[in-house]
Amino acid sequence: MPAAASEALTVALTDACHDPISATEPYGEDDGVMRMIVTEHSFAVLLVGQALKTITVLQINYLG
């Protein structure tokens, strides 16, 4: 992934760590658990654990 695309995704993931619901979009049904980050050049699917305050990155795609 080019540096600019990687940096944008890194910033978006950092934002998601601080406030996962407002920094992400629902992935499918809005259950507050499966979330996604969409930047200009990437897409990431996240699993948000509310009880332990964790974020697990399930998938990252570079869109080119």
Protein backbone atom coordinates (compact mmCIF):
# COMPACT_ATOMS: atom_id res chain seq x y z
CA MET A 1 0.00 0.00 0.00
CA PRO A 2 1.44 3.41 -0.90
CA ALA A 3 2.50 5.67 1.96
CA ALA A 4 -0.34 8.20 1.55
CA ALA A 5 -3.03 5.49 1.57
CA SER A 6 -1.39 3.79 4.54
CA GLU A 7 -1.23 7.05 6.47
CA ALA A 8 -4.92 7.81 5.84
CA LEU A 9 -5.88 4.34 7.06
CA THR A 10 -3.64 4.68 10.11
CA VAL A 11 -5.29 7.99 11.05
CA ALA A 12 -8.76 6.47 10.58
CA LEU A 13 -7.84 3.45 12.73
CA THR A 14 -6.46 5.76 15.43
CA ASP A 15 -9.73 7.69 15.43
CA ALA A 16 -11.63 4.40 15.70
CA CYS A 17 -9.59 3.44 18.74
CA HIS A 18 -10.73 6.60 20.52
CA ASP A 19 -14.40 6.50 19.44
CA PRO A 20 -15.23 3.40 17.39
CA ILE A 21 -18.89 4.18 16.73
CA SER A 22 -18.58 7.76 15.46
CA ALA A 23 -15.31 7.12 13.56
CA THR A 24 -16.69 4.14 11.62
CA GLU A 25 -19.73 3.12 9.60
CA PRO A 26 -22.00 0.12 10.13
CA TYR A 27 -21.04 -3.03 8.24
CA GLY A 28 -24.37 -4.58 7.28
CA GLU A 29 -26.93 -4.26 10.07
CA ASP A 30 -25.99 -1.57 12.58
CA ASP A 31 -25.34 -3.77 15.61
CA GLY A 32 -22.46 -1.67 16.96
CA VAL A 33 -20.11 -4.64 16.64
CA MET A 34 -19.26 -5.07 12.96
CA ARG A 35 -18.00 -1.74 11.67
CA MET A 36 -16.05 -0.47 8.66
CA ILE A 37 -13.65 2.28 7.80
CA VAL A 38 -13.69 3.61 4.26
CA THR A 39 -10.98 5.99 3.08
CA GLU A 40 -10.25 7.20 -0.43
CA HIS A 41 -7.92 4.26 -1.13
CA SER A 42 -8.74 1.59 1.46
CA PHE A 43 -11.49 -0.29 3.20
CA ALA A 44 -11.25 -2.06 6.57
CA VAL A 45 -13.70 -4.28 8.44
CA LEU A 46 -13.52 -4.10 12.22
CA LEU A 47 -14.93 -6.08 15.11
CA VAL A 48 -15.61 -3.73 18.03
CA GLY A 49 -15.62 -5.27 21.50
CA GLN A 50 -17.57 -2.94 23.77
CA ALA A 51 -17.02 -4.85 27.04
CA LEU A 52 -13.23 -5.02 26.79
CA LYS A 53 -12.90 -1.89 24.63
CA THR A 54 -11.06 -3.69 21.85
CA ILE A 55 -10.93 -3.38 18.08
CA THR A 56 -9.97 -6.33 15.92
CA VAL A 57 -9.13 -5.67 12.28
CA LEU A 58 -10.70 -8.48 10.27
CA GLN A 59 -9.90 -7.31 6.75
CA ILE A 60 -8.05 -4.53 4.93
CA ASN A 61 -8.41 -3.94 1.20
CA TYR A 62 -6.39 -1.49 -0.84
CA LEU A 63 -8.67 0.03 -3.47
CA GLY A 64 -5.98 1.56 -5.63
